[in-house]
Amino acid sequence: MPAVLIVKANVASYDPWRTAYDSFHAFRRENGVTGDEVYCSPEDMTSILVLQFFDTVEAAQAFASNPGLAEAMRSSGVIGAPRLTITETV
């Protein structure tokens, strides 16, 4: 069943984070992300919500545990530990 990885995080600054996020497009696609959406709080552009879509829960789990994802988050300016939640279509 299709799955969604929901990422809630705080970033140091939105614009540099977004540039870094966009630069990892190929990494996301190579690791099973079929689509994504990015949202920010209108009151605080450093509070982000990212939805990443996958064909299966297993693909989402593999991506969430990929060391490359953790490194990409660190290098993009994510502050602290992001909250990751995997959901599936029912």
N, C-alpha and C. Protein backbone atom coordinates (compact mmCIF):
# COMPACT_ATOMS: atom_id res chain seq x y z
N MET A 1 0.83 -1.19 0.00
CA MET A 1 0.00 0.00 0.00
C MET A 1 0.88 1.25 0.00
N PRO A 2 0.42 2.31 -0.62
CA PRO A 2 1.18 3.57 -0.61
C PRO A 2 1.40 4.08 0.81
N ALA A 3 2.52 4.75 1.00
CA ALA A 3 2.88 5.25 2.32
C ALA A 3 3.38 6.68 2.22
N VAL A 4 3.32 7.38 3.36
CA VAL A 4 3.81 8.75 3.46
C VAL A 4 4.73 8.84 4.67
N LEU A 5 5.91 9.40 4.45
CA LEU A 5 6.81 9.74 5.54
C LEU A 5 6.57 11.22 5.85
N ILE A 6 6.16 11.49 7.09
CA ILE A 6 5.91 12.85 7.54
C ILE A 6 7.11 13.29 8.37
N VAL A 7 7.74 14.37 7.95
CA VAL A 7 8.91 14.89 8.65
C VAL A 7 8.56 16.26 9.21
N LYS A 8 8.66 16.39 10.54
CA LYS A 8 8.48 17.69 11.19
C LYS A 8 9.82 18.08 11.78
N ALA A 9 10.29 19.28 11.44
CA ALA A 9 11.62 19.69 11.89
C ALA A 9 11.69 21.20 12.01
N ASN A 10 12.70 21.64 12.74
CA ASN A 10 13.05 23.05 12.80
C ASN A 10 14.37 23.22 12.07
N VAL A 11 14.48 24.32 11.34
CA VAL A 11 15.70 24.58 10.58
C VAL A 11 16.26 25.93 10.99
N ALA A 12 17.56 26.09 10.81
CA ALA A 12 18.22 27.34 11.19
C ALA A 12 17.69 28.51 10.37
N SER A 13 17.51 28.29 9.07
CA SER A 13 17.02 29.33 8.17
C SER A 13 16.39 28.64 6.97
N TYR A 14 15.19 29.08 6.58
CA TYR A 14 14.46 28.39 5.53
C TYR A 14 15.18 28.39 4.19
N ASP A 15 15.62 29.53 3.71
CA ASP A 15 16.18 29.61 2.36
C ASP A 15 17.38 28.68 2.16
N PRO A 16 18.39 28.69 3.05
CA PRO A 16 19.49 27.74 2.87
C PRO A 16 19.03 26.28 2.99
N TRP A 17 18.10 26.04 3.91
CA TRP A 17 17.58 24.67 4.04
C TRP A 17 16.91 24.25 2.74
N ARG A 18 16.08 25.12 2.15
CA ARG A 18 15.36 24.76 0.93
C ARG A 18 16.31 24.50 -0.23
N THR A 19 17.36 25.30 -0.32
CA THR A 19 18.36 25.09 -1.37
C THR A 19 18.99 23.71 -1.21
N ALA A 20 19.36 23.36 0.03
CA ALA A 20 19.95 22.04 0.29
C ALA A 20 18.94 20.93 0.02
N TYR A 21 17.70 21.11 0.46
CA TYR A 21 16.65 20.11 0.23
C TYR A 21 16.48 19.84 -1.26
N ASP A 22 16.38 20.90 -2.03
CA ASP A 22 16.21 20.75 -3.47
C ASP A 22 17.40 20.06 -4.12
N SER A 23 18.60 20.27 -3.59
CA SER A 23 19.79 19.65 -4.17
C SER A 23 19.83 18.13 -3.95
N PHE A 24 19.01 17.63 -3.04
CA PHE A 24 18.97 16.19 -2.75
C PHE A 24 17.83 15.49 -3.50
N HIS A 25 17.31 16.13 -4.54
CA HIS A 25 16.21 15.56 -5.33
C HIS A 25 16.56 14.17 -5.86
N ALA A 26 17.71 14.04 -6.47
CA ALA A 26 18.11 12.74 -7.04
C ALA A 26 18.24 11.68 -5.95
N PHE A 27 18.80 12.05 -4.80
CA PHE A 27 18.93 11.11 -3.68
C PHE A 27 17.56 10.59 -3.26
N ARG A 28 16.58 11.50 -3.16
CA ARG A 28 15.24 11.08 -2.76
C ARG A 28 14.66 10.11 -3.78
N ARG A 29 14.75 10.43 -5.05
CA ARG A 29 14.18 9.57 -6.10
C ARG A 29 14.89 8.20 -6.14
N GLU A 30 16.21 8.20 -5.99
CA GLU A 30 16.98 6.95 -6.01
C GLU A 30 16.64 6.06 -4.82
N ASN A 31 16.08 6.66 -3.77
CA ASN A 31 15.77 5.90 -2.56
C ASN A 31 14.26 5.76 -2.33
N GLY A 32 13.49 5.80 -3.41
CA GLY A 32 12.09 5.42 -3.33
C GLY A 32 11.05 6.51 -3.17
N VAL A 33 11.46 7.77 -3.03
CA VAL A 33 10.48 8.84 -2.89
C VAL A 33 9.85 9.09 -4.26
N THR A 34 8.52 8.95 -4.33
CA THR A 34 7.82 9.13 -5.60
C THR A 34 7.27 10.54 -5.76
N GLY A 35 7.23 11.30 -4.69
CA GLY A 35 6.75 12.67 -4.71
C GLY A 35 6.94 13.28 -3.33
N ASP A 36 6.89 14.59 -3.25
CA ASP A 36 7.05 15.24 -1.96
C ASP A 36 6.37 16.60 -1.97
N GLU A 37 6.04 17.08 -0.78
CA GLU A 37 5.46 18.39 -0.58
C GLU A 37 6.11 19.01 0.65
N VAL A 38 6.35 20.32 0.60
CA VAL A 38 6.99 21.03 1.71
C VAL A 38 6.05 22.13 2.18
N TYR A 39 5.89 22.22 3.49
CA TYR A 39 5.04 23.23 4.11
C TYR A 39 5.83 23.94 5.21
N CYS A 40 5.49 25.20 5.44
CA CYS A 40 6.09 25.97 6.53
C CYS A 40 4.98 26.65 7.31
N SER A 41 5.24 26.89 8.56
CA SER A 41 4.31 27.66 9.38
C SER A 41 4.34 29.11 8.89
N PRO A 42 3.18 29.72 8.67
CA PRO A 42 3.18 31.12 8.22
C PRO A 42 3.74 32.08 9.28
N GLU A 43 3.71 31.66 10.52
CA GLU A 43 4.25 32.49 11.59
C GLU A 43 5.74 32.27 11.83
N ASP A 44 6.27 31.14 11.35
CA ASP A 44 7.67 30.80 11.64
C ASP A 44 8.22 29.94 10.51
N MET A 45 8.94 30.58 9.59
CA MET A 45 9.49 29.86 8.43
C MET A 45 10.58 28.85 8.79
N THR A 46 10.94 28.76 10.06
CA THR A 46 11.93 27.77 10.46
C THR A 46 11.27 26.48 10.95
N SER A 47 9.95 26.44 10.98
CA SER A 47 9.20 25.25 11.36
C SER A 47 8.64 24.63 10.08
N ILE A 48 9.18 23.47 9.70
CA ILE A 48 8.80 22.86 8.42
C ILE A 48 8.10 21.53 8.61
N LEU A 49 7.30 21.20 7.61
CA LEU A 49 6.63 19.91 7.53
C LEU A 49 6.85 19.41 6.11
N VAL A 50 7.38 18.20 5.97
CA VAL A 50 7.64 17.62 4.66
C VAL A 50 6.88 16.31 4.56
N LEU A 51 6.15 16.14 3.47
CA LEU A 51 5.49 14.88 3.17
C LEU A 51 6.24 14.24 2.01
N GLN A 52 6.67 12.99 2.21
CA GLN A 52 7.36 12.26 1.15
C GLN A 52 6.59 10.97 0.89
N PHE A 53 6.28 10.73 -0.38
CA PHE A 53 5.41 9.64 -0.76
C PHE A 53 6.22 8.45 -1.28
N PHE A 54 5.75 7.24 -0.96
CA PHE A 54 6.42 5.99 -1.32
C PHE A 54 5.39 4.99 -1.80
N ASP A 55 5.84 3.99 -2.54
CA ASP A 55 4.96 2.93 -3.01
C ASP A 55 4.57 1.96 -1.89
N THR A 56 5.46 1.80 -0.90
CA THR A 56 5.21 0.85 0.19
C THR A 56 5.71 1.40 1.52
N VAL A 57 5.19 0.85 2.60
CA VAL A 57 5.67 1.19 3.93
C VAL A 57 7.13 0.80 4.07
N GLU A 58 7.49 -0.35 3.52
CA GLU A 58 8.87 -0.82 3.62
C GLU A 58 9.84 0.16 2.97
N ALA A 59 9.45 0.72 1.83
CA ALA A 59 10.31 1.71 1.17
C ALA A 59 10.46 2.96 2.04
N ALA A 60 9.37 3.39 2.67
CA ALA A 60 9.43 4.55 3.56
C ALA A 60 10.32 4.26 4.76
N GLN A 61 10.20 3.09 5.33
CA GLN A 61 11.03 2.70 6.48
C GLN A 61 12.50 2.66 6.10
N ALA A 62 12.80 2.10 4.94
CA ALA A 62 14.19 2.03 4.49
C ALA A 62 14.76 3.43 4.30
N PHE A 63 13.98 4.34 3.72
CA PHE A 63 14.44 5.71 3.52
C PHE A 63 14.64 6.41 4.86
N ALA A 64 13.71 6.25 5.78
CA ALA A 64 13.80 6.91 7.07
C ALA A 64 15.02 6.47 7.86
N SER A 65 15.46 5.23 7.66
CA SER A 65 16.62 4.72 8.40
C SER A 65 17.93 4.84 7.60
N ASN A 66 17.88 5.41 6.43
CA ASN A 66 19.06 5.56 5.58
C ASN A 66 20.02 6.59 6.21
N PRO A 67 21.29 6.21 6.45
CA PRO A 67 22.25 7.15 7.02
C PRO A 67 22.43 8.41 6.16
N GLY A 68 22.23 8.28 4.85
CA GLY A 68 22.34 9.44 3.96
C GLY A 68 21.28 10.48 4.25
N LEU A 69 20.10 10.05 4.68
CA LEU A 69 19.05 11.00 5.05
C LEU A 69 19.46 11.78 6.29
N ALA A 70 19.98 11.10 7.29
CA ALA A 70 20.42 11.78 8.51
C ALA A 70 21.51 12.80 8.18
N GLU A 71 22.44 12.44 7.33
CA GLU A 71 23.51 13.37 6.95
C GLU A 71 22.95 14.55 6.16
N ALA A 72 22.02 14.28 5.26
CA ALA A 72 21.41 15.37 4.48
C ALA A 72 20.69 16.35 5.40
N MET A 73 20.01 15.83 6.41
CA MET A 73 19.32 16.72 7.35
C MET A 73 20.31 17.57 8.14
N ARG A 74 21.36 16.93 8.61
CA ARG A 74 22.38 17.67 9.37
C ARG A 74 23.00 18.77 8.53
N SER A 75 23.37 18.42 7.31
CA SER A 75 24.08 19.39 6.47
C SER A 75 23.17 20.49 5.94
N SER A 76 21.85 20.28 5.96
CA SER A 76 20.93 21.28 5.44
C SER A 76 20.52 22.32 6.47
N GLY A 77 20.88 22.09 7.73
CA GLY A 77 20.53 23.07 8.76
C GLY A 77 19.38 22.67 9.66
N VAL A 78 19.00 21.38 9.66
CA VAL A 78 17.97 20.93 10.59
C VAL A 78 18.53 21.02 12.00
N ILE A 79 17.75 21.61 12.89
CA ILE A 79 18.16 21.79 14.28
C ILE A 79 17.50 20.72 15.14
N GLY A 80 18.31 20.01 15.92
CA GLY A 80 17.77 18.98 16.80
C GLY A 80 17.31 17.77 16.01
N ALA A 81 16.59 16.92 16.71
CA ALA A 81 16.10 15.69 16.09
C ALA A 81 14.75 15.94 15.42
N PRO A 82 14.64 15.66 14.13
CA PRO A 82 13.35 15.80 13.47
C PRO A 82 12.40 14.70 13.94
N ARG A 83 11.12 14.94 13.82
CA ARG A 83 10.13 13.91 14.15
C ARG A 83 9.68 13.26 12.85
N LEU A 84 9.87 11.95 12.75
CA LEU A 84 9.50 11.18 11.55
C LEU A 84 8.34 10.25 11.88
N THR A 85 7.32 10.28 11.04
CA THR A 85 6.15 9.41 11.21
C THR A 85 5.83 8.79 9.85
N ILE A 86 5.60 7.49 9.83
CA ILE A 86 5.22 6.81 8.60
C ILE A 86 3.75 6.42 8.71
N THR A 87 2.98 6.76 7.69
CA THR A 87 1.58 6.37 7.62
C THR A 87 1.34 5.65 6.30
N GLU A 88 0.24 4.90 6.22
CA GLU A 88 -0.08 4.23 4.97
C GLU A 88 -1.54 4.46 4.61
N THR A 89 -1.83 4.34 3.34
CA THR A 89 -3.20 4.46 2.87
C THR A 89 -3.98 3.23 3.33
N VAL A 90 -5.16 3.46 3.88
CA VAL A 90 -6.00 2.33 4.33
C VAL A 90 -7.37 2.42 3.69
